[in-house]
């Protein structure tokens, strides 16, 4: 007999929710090389599915009040894990939809742990190895969502650049123009990390406000989130661009691919520039500096991860010779149908 169990952080049985992945992934899986994020911000409720006392699936509902899709409020399905059994998937996903309708949500989106600042999207292939910052999951989750009536609402991809070509004449020309305007591109100052991250937080509200499904994050939450990544940051690969008045106008946040044991590879995790047209080309200039440094330090490839197919980063990745490495899908369901 199948049974839905409700739980939440702080409850005595919540460890059953957090420990469930250990039962469906190999002990040595990359899945466990980075800690799982179950952000309590916007977390509404968590569910476990048991069959005759054995746990077989889990999922959660997040209610981010600022998240909108098709100009209407959307709830999200997060922390989804399930054994490879369509009956279990149908049971827990139908329960989530029922609960979302009770909450009067027009749309249900997933997977997404509350916002695009957290883990979201399912990968749809595994022909290439996983890289650092990529969330591993079972590929059959895609079929679970599709069979439950979810449809793709966004496609993403990760590119890999193995040529690492840099110093194209047009980029060097633009770099000189920026320098003549007083633009300074410098490494992040780890000794003043919180202040630097606070500046980036404020800048993000300008740089990302038009991004698909973007919602703001509090300064405190942003600082806490990135403080966890400080140990992975090499200042030479996290660069900030400032205008002549020291206003932040762009940045690149890159990290070493700690999962790649065959060659040195760098991940261009986050990049942003001020939308004002006077800073056009800044992303290419900063990226060129990153490549120049990466080559000098023995890097053989660069990953441009999680690019939204309709986003502005597509051209940037193509300019740096990016070739397709992996693909991802985000799903949604209209609950009014």
C-alpha atoms as a PDB file:
ATOM      1  CA  UNK A   1       0.000   0.000   0.000  1.00  0.00           C
ATOM      2  CA  UNK A   2       1.364   3.424  -1.015  1.00  0.00           C
ATOM      3  CA  UNK A   3       1.313   6.260   1.492  1.00  0.00           C
ATOM      4  CA  UNK A   4       2.236   9.946   1.262  1.00  0.00           C
ATOM      5  CA  UNK A   5       4.177  11.233   4.287  1.00  0.00           C
ATOM      6  CA  UNK A   6       4.408  14.963   4.926  1.00  0.00           C
ATOM      7  CA  UNK A   7       7.456  16.448   6.640  1.00  0.00           C
ATOM      8  CA  UNK A   8       9.461  19.661   6.922  1.00  0.00           C
ATOM      9  CA  UNK A   9      12.802  20.892   8.285  1.00  0.00           C
ATOM     10  CA  UNK A  10      12.853  20.669  12.078  1.00  0.00           C
ATOM     11  CA  UNK A  11      10.520  17.693  12.266  1.00  0.00           C
ATOM     12  CA  UNK A  12      11.743  14.412  13.742  1.00  0.00           C
ATOM     13  CA  UNK A  13      11.386  12.477  10.486  1.00  0.00           C
ATOM     14  CA  UNK A  14      12.950  15.078   8.164  1.00  0.00           C
ATOM     15  CA  UNK A  15      16.177  13.056   8.058  1.00  0.00           C
ATOM     16  CA  UNK A  16      14.217  10.473   6.052  1.00  0.00           C
ATOM     17  CA  UNK A  17      13.773  13.144   3.374  1.00  0.00           C
ATOM     18  CA  UNK A  18      17.419  14.225   3.358  1.00  0.00           C
ATOM     19  CA  UNK A  19      18.760  10.655   3.481  1.00  0.00           C
ATOM     20  CA  UNK A  20      16.543   9.218   0.751  1.00  0.00           C
ATOM     21  CA  UNK A  21      19.029   9.797  -2.133  1.00  0.00           C
ATOM     22  CA  UNK A  22      21.459   7.412  -0.420  1.00  0.00           C
ATOM     23  CA  UNK A  23      19.072   4.588  -1.277  1.00  0.00           C
ATOM     24  CA  UNK A  24      18.960   5.234  -5.029  1.00  0.00           C
ATOM     25  CA  UNK A  25      22.516   6.307  -5.924  1.00  0.00           C
ATOM     26  CA  UNK A  26      25.789   4.432  -5.586  1.00  0.00           C
ATOM     27  CA  UNK A  27      27.711   5.294  -2.442  1.00  0.00           C
ATOM     28  CA  UNK A  28      30.643   6.639  -4.501  1.00  0.00           C
ATOM     29  CA  UNK A  29      28.431   8.657  -6.853  1.00  0.00           C
ATOM     30  CA  UNK A  30      29.383  12.218  -7.792  1.00  0.00           C
ATOM     31  CA  UNK A  31      25.910  13.004  -6.477  1.00  0.00           C
ATOM     32  CA  UNK A  32      27.400  13.069  -2.973  1.00  0.00           C
ATOM     33  CA  UNK A  33      30.606  15.005  -3.707  1.00  0.00           C
ATOM     34  CA  UNK A  34      28.860  18.321  -3.069  1.00  0.00           C
ATOM     35  CA  UNK A  35      26.302  18.915  -0.312  1.00  0.00           C
ATOM     36  CA  UNK A  36      22.655  18.985  -1.305  1.00  0.00           C
ATOM     37  CA  UNK A  37      20.794  22.272  -1.088  1.00  0.00           C
ATOM     38  CA  UNK A  38      17.320  22.222   0.470  1.00  0.00           C
ATOM     39  CA  UNK A  39      16.797  25.967   0.905  1.00  0.00           C
ATOM     40  CA  UNK A  40      14.172  26.790   3.509  1.00  0.00           C
ATOM     41  CA  UNK A  41      13.389  30.108   1.850  1.00  0.00           C
ATOM     42  CA  UNK A  42      10.095  29.596  -0.001  1.00  0.00           C
ATOM     43  CA  UNK A  43       9.947  25.923   1.061  1.00  0.00           C
ATOM     44  CA  UNK A  44       6.271  25.141   1.612  1.00  0.00           C
ATOM     45  CA  UNK A  45       6.125  21.398   2.267  1.00  0.00           C
ATOM     46  CA  UNK A  46       8.089  18.188   1.721  1.00  0.00           C
ATOM     47  CA  UNK A  47       6.662  14.783   0.858  1.00  0.00           C
ATOM     48  CA  UNK A  48       7.883  11.209   0.963  1.00  0.00           C
ATOM     49  CA  UNK A  49       6.189   8.278  -0.749  1.00  0.00           C
ATOM     50  CA  UNK A  50       6.345   4.857   0.872  1.00  0.00           C
ATOM     51  CA  UNK A  51       5.189   1.512  -0.447  1.00  0.00           C
ATOM     52  CA  UNK A  52       4.516  -1.054   2.263  1.00  0.00           C
ATOM     53  CA  UNK A  53       6.823   0.856   4.578  1.00  0.00           C
ATOM     54  CA  UNK A  54       9.686   1.298   2.105  1.00  0.00           C
ATOM     55  CA  UNK A  55      10.492   4.829   0.939  1.00  0.00           C
ATOM     56  CA  UNK A  56      10.428   5.049  -2.859  1.00  0.00           C
ATOM     57  CA  UNK A  57      10.189   8.770  -3.751  1.00  0.00           C
ATOM     58  CA  UNK A  58      10.366  12.274  -2.405  1.00  0.00           C
ATOM     59  CA  UNK A  59       9.603  15.824  -3.597  1.00  0.00           C
ATOM     60  CA  UNK A  60       8.846  19.271  -2.232  1.00  0.00           C
ATOM     61  CA  UNK A  61       6.762  22.313  -3.124  1.00  0.00           C
ATOM     62  CA  UNK A  62       8.259  25.793  -3.048  1.00  0.00           C
ATOM     63  CA  UNK A  63       6.191  28.969  -3.063  1.00  0.00           C
ATOM     64  CA  UNK A  64       8.275  31.905  -4.251  1.00  0.00           C
ATOM     65  CA  UNK A  65       5.801  34.831  -4.227  1.00  0.00           C
ATOM     66  CA  UNK A  66       7.731  36.691  -6.919  1.00  0.00           C
ATOM     67  CA  UNK A  67       8.032  33.812  -9.377  1.00  0.00           C
ATOM     68  CA  UNK A  68       5.829  34.244 -12.425  1.00  0.00           C
ATOM     69  CA  UNK A  69       5.350  32.287 -15.611  1.00  0.00           C
ATOM     70  CA  UNK A  70       3.077  33.471 -18.400  1.00  0.00           C
ATOM     71  CA  UNK A  71       2.328  36.510 -16.205  1.00  0.00           C
ATOM     72  CA  UNK A  72       0.858  34.292 -13.484  1.00  0.00           C
ATOM     73  CA  UNK A  73       2.167  33.006 -10.169  1.00  0.00           C
ATOM     74  CA  UNK A  74       3.864  29.616 -10.292  1.00  0.00           C
ATOM     75  CA  UNK A  75       4.788  27.098  -7.607  1.00  0.00           C
ATOM     76  CA  UNK A  76       7.787  24.829  -8.127  1.00  0.00           C
ATOM     77  CA  UNK A  77       8.563  21.141  -7.609  1.00  0.00           C
ATOM     78  CA  UNK A  78      11.928  20.716  -5.930  1.00  0.00           C
ATOM     79  CA  UNK A  79      14.239  18.040  -4.503  1.00  0.00           C
ATOM     80  CA  UNK A  80      12.677  15.382  -6.722  1.00  0.00           C
ATOM     81  CA  UNK A  81      14.044  11.854  -6.358  1.00  0.00           C
ATOM     82  CA  UNK A  82      12.359   8.555  -7.209  1.00  0.00           C
ATOM     83  CA  UNK A  83      13.165   4.938  -7.904  1.00  0.00           C
ATOM     84  CA  UNK A  84      12.737   3.798 -11.500  1.00  0.00           C
ATOM     85  CA  UNK A  85       9.063   2.922 -11.278  1.00  0.00           C
ATOM     86  CA  UNK A  86       6.410   4.883 -13.234  1.00  0.00           C
ATOM     87  CA  UNK A  87       3.690   4.037 -10.702  1.00  0.00           C
ATOM     88  CA  UNK A  88       5.599   5.718  -7.880  1.00  0.00           C
ATOM     89  CA  UNK A  89       6.398   8.740 -10.022  1.00  0.00           C
ATOM     90  CA  UNK A  90       2.765   9.121 -11.067  1.00  0.00           C
ATOM     91  CA  UNK A  91       1.607   8.874  -7.455  1.00  0.00           C
ATOM     92  CA  UNK A  92       3.867  11.530  -5.976  1.00  0.00           C
ATOM     93  CA  UNK A  93       3.619  13.920  -8.931  1.00  0.00           C
ATOM     94  CA  UNK A  94      -0.179  13.686  -8.980  1.00  0.00           C
ATOM     95  CA  UNK A  95      -0.175  14.453  -5.255  1.00  0.00           C
ATOM     96  CA  UNK A  96       1.984  17.534  -5.835  1.00  0.00           C
ATOM     97  CA  UNK A  97      -0.387  18.746  -8.529  1.00  0.00           C
ATOM     98  CA  UNK A  98      -3.386  18.225  -6.267  1.00  0.00           C
ATOM     99  CA  UNK A  99      -1.727  20.203  -3.473  1.00  0.00           C
ATOM    100  CA  UNK A 100      -0.725  22.978  -5.874  1.00  0.00           C
ATOM    101  CA  UNK A 101      -4.324  23.271  -7.058  1.00  0.00           C
ATOM    102  CA  UNK A 102      -5.482  23.517  -3.451  1.00  0.00           C
ATOM    103  CA  UNK A 103      -2.999  26.409  -3.113  1.00  0.00           C
ATOM    104  CA  UNK A 104      -4.689  27.916  -6.202  1.00  0.00           C
ATOM    105  CA  UNK A 105      -1.506  27.977  -8.261  1.00  0.00           C
ATOM    106  CA  UNK A 106      -2.101  28.360 -12.024  1.00  0.00           C
ATOM    107  CA  UNK A 107       1.266  26.797 -12.908  1.00  0.00           C
ATOM    108  CA  UNK A 108       3.631  24.211 -11.511  1.00  0.00           C
ATOM    109  CA  UNK A 109       7.262  24.333 -12.654  1.00  0.00           C
ATOM    110  CA  UNK A 110      10.040  21.865 -12.033  1.00  0.00           C
ATOM    111  CA  UNK A 111      12.483  20.822 -11.091  1.00  0.00           C
ATOM    112  CA  UNK A 112      13.356  24.006  -9.226  1.00  0.00           C
ATOM    113  CA  UNK A 113      14.262  24.452  -5.580  1.00  0.00           C
ATOM    114  CA  UNK A 114      12.342  27.688  -5.231  1.00  0.00           C
ATOM    115  CA  UNK A 115      14.260  29.964  -7.597  1.00  0.00           C
ATOM    116  CA  UNK A 116      16.909  30.045 -10.292  1.00  0.00           C
ATOM    117  CA  UNK A 117      19.462  30.835  -7.572  1.00  0.00           C
ATOM    118  CA  UNK A 118      19.138  27.187  -6.504  1.00  0.00           C
ATOM    119  CA  UNK A 119      19.286  23.855  -8.348  1.00  0.00           C
ATOM    120  CA  UNK A 120      16.878  23.543 -11.249  1.00  0.00           C
ATOM    121  CA  UNK A 121      16.533  21.764 -14.638  1.00  0.00           C
ATOM    122  CA  UNK A 122      17.001  18.100 -15.572  1.00  0.00           C
ATOM    123  CA  UNK A 123      19.861  16.962 -17.778  1.00  0.00           C
ATOM    124  CA  UNK A 124      18.637  14.871 -20.691  1.00  0.00           C
ATOM    125  CA  UNK A 125      21.802  12.943 -21.580  1.00  0.00           C
ATOM    126  CA  UNK A 126      24.906  11.531 -19.924  1.00  0.00           C
ATOM    127  CA  UNK A 127      27.259  10.868 -22.848  1.00  0.00           C
ATOM    128  CA  UNK A 128      29.785  13.262 -21.290  1.00  0.00           C
ATOM    129  CA  UNK A 129      31.090  13.267 -17.696  1.00  0.00           C
ATOM    130  CA  UNK A 130      29.499  15.512 -15.089  1.00  0.00           C
ATOM    131  CA  UNK A 131      31.374  18.659 -14.139  1.00  0.00           C
ATOM    132  CA  UNK A 132      31.719  20.558 -10.873  1.00  0.00           C
ATOM    133  CA  UNK A 133      28.591  22.637 -10.009  1.00  0.00           C
ATOM    134  CA  UNK A 134      26.389  20.306 -12.090  1.00  0.00           C
ATOM    135  CA  UNK A 135      23.652  18.499 -10.167  1.00  0.00           C
ATOM    136  CA  UNK A 136      23.552  14.774 -10.922  1.00  0.00           C
ATOM    137  CA  UNK A 137      20.218  12.944 -11.115  1.00  0.00           C
ATOM    138  CA  UNK A 138      18.675   9.972 -12.885  1.00  0.00           C
ATOM    139  CA  UNK A 139      17.790  10.634 -16.530  1.00  0.00           C
ATOM    140  CA  UNK A 140      14.484   8.802 -16.239  1.00  0.00           C
ATOM    141  CA  UNK A 141      13.161  11.716 -14.177  1.00  0.00           C
ATOM    142  CA  UNK A 142      12.458  13.436 -17.480  1.00  0.00           C
ATOM    143  CA  UNK A 143      10.031  10.676 -18.463  1.00  0.00           C
ATOM    144  CA  UNK A 144       8.399  10.858 -15.029  1.00  0.00           C
ATOM    145  CA  UNK A 145       7.571  14.542 -15.554  1.00  0.00           C
ATOM    146  CA  UNK A 146       6.462  14.117 -19.167  1.00  0.00           C
ATOM    147  CA  UNK A 147       4.203  11.185 -18.270  1.00  0.00           C
ATOM    148  CA  UNK A 148       2.672  13.366 -15.524  1.00  0.00           C
ATOM    149  CA  UNK A 149       1.653  15.948 -18.116  1.00  0.00           C
ATOM    150  CA  UNK A 150       4.538  18.393 -17.766  1.00  0.00           C
ATOM    151  CA  UNK A 151       5.854  20.030 -20.927  1.00  0.00           C
ATOM    152  CA  UNK A 152       9.225  21.675 -21.632  1.00  0.00           C
ATOM    153  CA  UNK A 153       9.077  25.417 -21.015  1.00  0.00           C
ATOM    154  CA  UNK A 154      12.807  26.141 -21.384  1.00  0.00           C
ATOM    155  CA  UNK A 155      15.866  24.481 -22.865  1.00  0.00           C
ATOM    156  CA  UNK A 156      19.437  24.994 -21.687  1.00  0.00           C
ATOM    157  CA  UNK A 157      22.832  23.704 -22.745  1.00  0.00           C
ATOM    158  CA  UNK A 158      26.431  23.565 -21.601  1.00  0.00           C
ATOM    159  CA  UNK A 159      29.212  24.121 -24.119  1.00  0.00           C
ATOM    160  CA  UNK A 160      32.837  23.081 -23.943  1.00  0.00           C
ATOM    161  CA  UNK A 161      35.685  24.970 -25.577  1.00  0.00           C
ATOM    162  CA  UNK A 162      38.787  22.865 -26.209  1.00  0.00           C
ATOM    163  CA  UNK A 163      40.566  25.386 -28.432  1.00  0.00           C
ATOM    164  CA  UNK A 164      40.824  28.196 -25.863  1.00  0.00           C
ATOM    165  CA  UNK A 165      41.640  30.706 -28.583  1.00  0.00           C
ATOM    166  CA  UNK A 166      42.159  34.206 -27.275  1.00  0.00           C
ATOM    167  CA  UNK A 167      43.395  37.685 -28.217  1.00  0.00           C
ATOM    168  CA  UNK A 168      41.286  38.090 -31.339  1.00  0.00           C
ATOM    169  CA  UNK A 169      42.085  41.519 -32.836  1.00  0.00           C
ATOM    170  CA  UNK A 170      38.557  42.895 -32.422  1.00  0.00           C
ATOM    171  CA  UNK A 171      38.494  41.913 -28.738  1.00  0.00           C
ATOM    172  CA  UNK A 172      41.916  43.406 -28.071  1.00  0.00           C
ATOM    173  CA  UNK A 173      40.728  46.597 -29.764  1.00  0.00           C
ATOM    174  CA  UNK A 174      37.680  46.717 -27.489  1.00  0.00           C
ATOM    175  CA  UNK A 175      39.846  46.015 -24.432  1.00  0.00           C
ATOM    176  CA  UNK A 176      42.026  49.009 -25.318  1.00  0.00           C
ATOM    177  CA  UNK A 177      38.943  51.202 -25.766  1.00  0.00           C
ATOM    178  CA  UNK A 178      37.672  50.249 -22.325  1.00  0.00           C
ATOM    179  CA  UNK A 179      41.092  50.910 -20.804  1.00  0.00           C
ATOM    180  CA  UNK A 180      41.179  54.367 -22.386  1.00  0.00           C
ATOM    181  CA  UNK A 181      37.773  55.060 -20.786  1.00  0.00           C
ATOM    182  CA  UNK A 182      39.197  54.237 -17.371  1.00  0.00           C
ATOM    183  CA  UNK A 183      37.698  50.753 -17.056  1.00  0.00           C
ATOM    184  CA  UNK A 184      39.642  48.525 -14.663  1.00  0.00           C
ATOM    185  CA  UNK A 185      39.304  44.721 -14.707  1.00  0.00           C
ATOM    186  CA  UNK A 186      40.679  43.205 -11.497  1.00  0.00           C
ATOM    187  CA  UNK A 187      40.587  40.004  -9.410  1.00  0.00           C
ATOM    188  CA  UNK A 188      38.050  39.750  -6.599  1.00  0.00           C
ATOM    189  CA  UNK A 189      39.484  40.828  -3.244  1.00  0.00           C
ATOM    190  CA  UNK A 190      39.065  37.804  -0.969  1.00  0.00           C
ATOM    191  CA  UNK A 191      40.242  39.815   2.047  1.00  0.00           C
ATOM    192  CA  UNK A 192      37.102  41.945   1.628  1.00  0.00           C
ATOM    193  CA  UNK A 193      34.919  39.095   0.411  1.00  0.00           C
ATOM    194  CA  UNK A 194      31.631  40.111   2.012  1.00  0.00           C
ATOM    195  CA  UNK A 195      31.886  43.652   0.703  1.00  0.00           C
ATOM    196  CA  UNK A 196      32.708  42.390  -2.788  1.00  0.00           C
ATOM    197  CA  UNK A 197      29.805  39.931  -2.744  1.00  0.00           C
ATOM    198  CA  UNK A 198      27.447  42.636  -1.473  1.00  0.00           C
ATOM    199  CA  UNK A 199      28.405  44.801  -4.466  1.00  0.00           C
ATOM    200  CA  UNK A 200      27.814  41.883  -6.843  1.00  0.00           C
ATOM    201  CA  UNK A 201      24.416  41.278  -5.231  1.00  0.00           C
ATOM    202  CA  UNK A 202      23.360  44.865  -5.884  1.00  0.00           C
ATOM    203  CA  UNK A 203      24.675  44.686  -9.451  1.00  0.00           C
ATOM    204  CA  UNK A 204      22.807  41.450 -10.213  1.00  0.00           C
ATOM    205  CA  UNK A 205      19.457  43.191  -9.814  1.00  0.00           C
ATOM    206  CA  UNK A 206      20.424  45.317 -12.813  1.00  0.00           C
ATOM    207  CA  UNK A 207      22.227  42.698 -14.878  1.00  0.00           C
ATOM    208  CA  UNK A 208      19.756  39.805 -14.473  1.00  0.00           C
ATOM    209  CA  UNK A 209      16.366  41.481 -14.008  1.00  0.00           C
ATOM    210  CA  UNK A 210      15.183  40.511 -17.517  1.00  0.00           C
ATOM    211  CA  UNK A 211      16.390  36.889 -17.298  1.00  0.00           C
ATOM    212  CA  UNK A 212      13.814  34.138 -17.697  1.00  0.00           C
ATOM    213  CA  UNK A 213      12.161  33.329 -14.334  1.00  0.00           C
ATOM    214  CA  UNK A 214      14.514  35.688 -12.488  1.00  0.00           C
ATOM    215  CA  UNK A 215      13.527  36.654  -8.945  1.00  0.00           C
ATOM    216  CA  UNK A 216      15.667  38.714  -6.556  1.00  0.00           C
ATOM    217  CA  UNK A 217      17.486  37.250  -3.573  1.00  0.00           C
ATOM    218  CA  UNK A 218      18.172  39.085  -0.314  1.00  0.00           C
ATOM    219  CA  UNK A 219      21.667  40.400   0.288  1.00  0.00           C
ATOM    220  CA  UNK A 220      21.989  38.243   3.408  1.00  0.00           C
ATOM    221  CA  UNK A 221      20.986  35.082   1.559  1.00  0.00           C
ATOM    222  CA  UNK A 222      23.274  35.896  -1.357  1.00  0.00           C
ATOM    223  CA  UNK A 223      26.283  36.506   0.892  1.00  0.00           C
ATOM    224  CA  UNK A 224      25.581  33.295   2.822  1.00  0.00           C
ATOM    225  CA  UNK A 225      25.269  31.318  -0.400  1.00  0.00           C
ATOM    226  CA  UNK A 226      28.513  32.577  -1.898  1.00  0.00           C
ATOM    227  CA  UNK A 227      30.430  32.388   1.359  1.00  0.00           C
ATOM    228  CA  UNK A 228      30.092  28.605   0.926  1.00  0.00           C
ATOM    229  CA  UNK A 229      31.922  28.886  -2.412  1.00  0.00           C
ATOM    230  CA  UNK A 230      34.772  31.063  -1.142  1.00  0.00           C
ATOM    231  CA  UNK A 231      37.065  28.068  -0.621  1.00  0.00           C
ATOM    232  CA  UNK A 232      36.756  27.209  -4.315  1.00  0.00           C
ATOM    233  CA  UNK A 233      37.508  30.698  -5.623  1.00  0.00           C
ATOM    234  CA  UNK A 234      40.773  31.500  -7.353  1.00  0.00           C
ATOM    235  CA  UNK A 235      40.848  35.334  -7.530  1.00  0.00           C
ATOM    236  CA  UNK A 236      42.650  35.204 -10.877  1.00  0.00           C
ATOM    237  CA  UNK A 237      39.547  33.622 -12.395  1.00  0.00           C
ATOM    238  CA  UNK A 238      36.885  35.731 -10.678  1.00  0.00           C
ATOM    239  CA  UNK A 239      37.229  39.139 -12.268  1.00  0.00           C
ATOM    240  CA  UNK A 240      35.339  42.376 -11.617  1.00  0.00           C
ATOM    241  CA  UNK A 241      35.105  45.243 -14.111  1.00  0.00           C
ATOM    242  CA  UNK A 242      34.679  48.800 -12.813  1.00  0.00           C
ATOM    243  CA  UNK A 243      34.235  52.075 -14.668  1.00  0.00           C
ATOM    244  CA  UNK A 244      36.355  55.152 -14.008  1.00  0.00           C
ATOM    245  CA  UNK A 245      34.151  55.976 -10.995  1.00  0.00           C
ATOM    246  CA  UNK A 246      34.642  52.470  -9.568  1.00  0.00           C
ATOM    247  CA  UNK A 247      31.045  51.449 -10.294  1.00  0.00           C
ATOM    248  CA  UNK A 248      30.717  47.725 -11.008  1.00  0.00           C
ATOM    249  CA  UNK A 249      29.816  47.189 -14.679  1.00  0.00           C
ATOM    250  CA  UNK A 250      30.512  43.470 -15.131  1.00  0.00           C
ATOM    251  CA  UNK A 251      32.098  40.320 -13.716  1.00  0.00           C
ATOM    252  CA  UNK A 252      33.115  36.730 -14.432  1.00  0.00           C
ATOM    253  CA  UNK A 253      32.934  34.043 -11.745  1.00  0.00           C
ATOM    254  CA  UNK A 254      34.937  30.987 -12.810  1.00  0.00           C
ATOM    255  CA  UNK A 255      35.925  27.889 -10.853  1.00  0.00           C
ATOM    256  CA  UNK A 256      38.179  24.928 -11.435  1.00  0.00           C
ATOM    257  CA  UNK A 257      36.418  21.716 -12.497  1.00  0.00           C
ATOM    258  CA  UNK A 258      37.278  19.581  -9.493  1.00  0.00           C
ATOM    259  CA  UNK A 259      35.473  16.579 -11.039  1.00  0.00           C
ATOM    260  CA  UNK A 260      37.728  16.428 -14.094  1.00  0.00           C
ATOM    261  CA  UNK A 261      40.723  14.233 -13.273  1.00  0.00           C
ATOM    262  CA  UNK A 262      41.936  13.886 -16.883  1.00  0.00           C
ATOM    263  CA  UNK A 263      42.807  17.503 -17.663  1.00  0.00           C
ATOM    264  CA  UNK A 264      42.660  20.990 -16.212  1.00  0.00           C
ATOM    265  CA  UNK A 265      39.314  22.525 -17.095  1.00  0.00           C
ATOM    266  CA  UNK A 266      37.752  25.796 -15.976  1.00  0.00           C
ATOM    267  CA  UNK A 267      34.033  26.448 -15.529  1.00  0.00           C
ATOM    268  CA  UNK A 268      32.671  29.875 -16.454  1.00  0.00           C
ATOM    269  CA  UNK A 269      29.985  29.636 -13.787  1.00  0.00           C
ATOM    270  CA  UNK A 270      28.482  33.146 -13.865  1.00  0.00           C
ATOM    271  CA  UNK A 271      29.021  36.143 -16.095  1.00  0.00           C
ATOM    272  CA  UNK A 272      27.232  39.448 -16.251  1.00  0.00           C
ATOM    273  CA  UNK A 273      27.606  42.945 -17.617  1.00  0.00           C
ATOM    274  CA  UNK A 274      25.676  46.173 -17.248  1.00  0.00           C
ATOM    275  CA  UNK A 275      22.941  46.298 -19.921  1.00  0.00           C
ATOM    276  CA  UNK A 276      23.858  49.820 -21.043  1.00  0.00           C
ATOM    277  CA  UNK A 277      25.011  49.655 -24.676  1.00  0.00           C
ATOM    278  CA  UNK A 278      28.190  51.588 -23.901  1.00  0.00           C
ATOM    279  CA  UNK A 279      29.502  48.401 -22.258  1.00  0.00           C
ATOM    280  CA  UNK A 280      28.802  46.199 -25.266  1.00  0.00           C
ATOM    281  CA  UNK A 281      31.630  43.714 -25.741  1.00  0.00           C
ATOM    282  CA  UNK A 282      32.701  43.767 -22.097  1.00  0.00           C
ATOM    283  CA  UNK A 283      31.820  40.100 -21.623  1.00  0.00           C
ATOM    284  CA  UNK A 284      34.097  39.130 -24.505  1.00  0.00           C
ATOM    285  CA  UNK A 285      36.903  41.249 -23.100  1.00  0.00           C
ATOM    286  CA  UNK A 286      36.708  39.728 -19.603  1.00  0.00           C
ATOM    287  CA  UNK A 287      36.359  36.233 -21.070  1.00  0.00           C
ATOM    288  CA  UNK A 288      39.458  36.844 -23.187  1.00  0.00           C
ATOM    289  CA  UNK A 289      41.447  37.770 -20.061  1.00  0.00           C
ATOM    290  CA  UNK A 290      40.217  34.583 -18.341  1.00  0.00           C
ATOM    291  CA  UNK A 291      41.312  32.474 -21.329  1.00  0.00           C
ATOM    292  CA  UNK A 292      44.690  34.194 -21.451  1.00  0.00           C
ATOM    293  CA  UNK A 293      45.296  33.348 -17.779  1.00  0.00           C
ATOM    294  CA  UNK A 294      43.906  29.823 -18.127  1.00  0.00           C
ATOM    295  CA  UNK A 295      46.298  28.965 -20.976  1.00  0.00           C
ATOM    296  CA  UNK A 296      49.256  30.304 -19.001  1.00  0.00           C
ATOM    297  CA  UNK A 297      48.322  28.000 -16.127  1.00  0.00           C
ATOM    298  CA  UNK A 298      47.935  24.841 -18.169  1.00  0.00           C
ATOM    299  CA  UNK A 299      44.182  24.654 -18.678  1.00  0.00           C
ATOM    300  CA  UNK A 300      43.041  22.604 -21.655  1.00  0.00           C
ATOM    301  CA  UNK A 301      39.313  23.334 -21.807  1.00  0.00           C
ATOM    302  CA  UNK A 302      36.561  25.600 -20.551  1.00  0.00           C
ATOM    303  CA  UNK A 303      32.935  24.763 -19.783  1.00  0.00           C
ATOM    304  CA  UNK A 304      30.244  27.384 -20.396  1.00  0.00           C
ATOM    305  CA  UNK A 305      27.407  25.889 -18.325  1.00  0.00           C
ATOM    306  CA  UNK A 306      23.625  26.149 -18.257  1.00  0.00           C
ATOM    307  CA  UNK A 307      23.071  28.600 -21.096  1.00  0.00           C
ATOM    308  CA  UNK A 308      19.439  29.528 -21.739  1.00  0.00           C
ATOM    309  CA  UNK A 309      18.766  28.884 -25.432  1.00  0.00           C
ATOM    310  CA  UNK A 310      17.122  32.274 -25.888  1.00  0.00           C
ATOM    311  CA  UNK A 311      19.594  34.130 -23.675  1.00  0.00           C
ATOM    312  CA  UNK A 312      22.376  36.575 -24.474  1.00  0.00           C
ATOM    313  CA  UNK A 313      25.154  34.179 -23.425  1.00  0.00           C
ATOM    314  CA  UNK A 314      24.601  32.008 -26.516  1.00  0.00           C
ATOM    315  CA  UNK A 315      26.575  34.333 -28.775  1.00  0.00           C
ATOM    316  CA  UNK A 316      29.279  34.776 -26.154  1.00  0.00           C
ATOM    317  CA  UNK A 317      29.877  31.040 -25.855  1.00  0.00           C
ATOM    318  CA  UNK A 318      29.869  30.591 -29.631  1.00  0.00           C
ATOM    319  CA  UNK A 319      32.426  33.387 -29.945  1.00  0.00           C
ATOM    320  CA  UNK A 320      34.768  31.385 -27.711  1.00  0.00           C
ATOM    321  CA  UNK A 321      34.374  28.286 -29.924  1.00  0.00           C
ATOM    322  CA  UNK A 322      31.995  26.508 -27.573  1.00  0.00           C
ATOM    323  CA  UNK A 323      30.702  23.130 -28.786  1.00  0.00           C
ATOM    324  CA  UNK A 324      27.702  21.378 -27.268  1.00  0.00           C
ATOM    325  CA  UNK A 325      28.532  19.264 -24.218  1.00  0.00           C
ATOM    326  CA  UNK A 326      25.221  18.683 -22.410  1.00  0.00           C
ATOM    327  CA  UNK A 327      21.562  19.646 -22.628  1.00  0.00           C
ATOM    328  CA  UNK A 328      18.877  20.327 -20.016  1.00  0.00           C
ATOM    329  CA  UNK A 329      15.134  20.915 -19.787  1.00  0.00           C
ATOM    330  CA  UNK A 330      12.870  22.761 -17.376  1.00  0.00           C
ATOM    331  CA  UNK A 331       9.264  21.586 -17.278  1.00  0.00           C
ATOM    332  CA  UNK A 332       5.961  23.216 -16.473  1.00  0.00           C
ATOM    333  CA  UNK A 333       2.285  22.342 -16.272  1.00  0.00           C
ATOM    334  CA  UNK A 334      -0.802  24.492 -16.621  1.00  0.00           C
ATOM    335  CA  UNK A 335      -2.957  23.420 -13.694  1.00  0.00           C
ATOM    336  CA  UNK A 336      -6.072  25.104 -15.031  1.00  0.00           C
ATOM    337  CA  UNK A 337      -6.449  22.430 -17.711  1.00  0.00           C
END
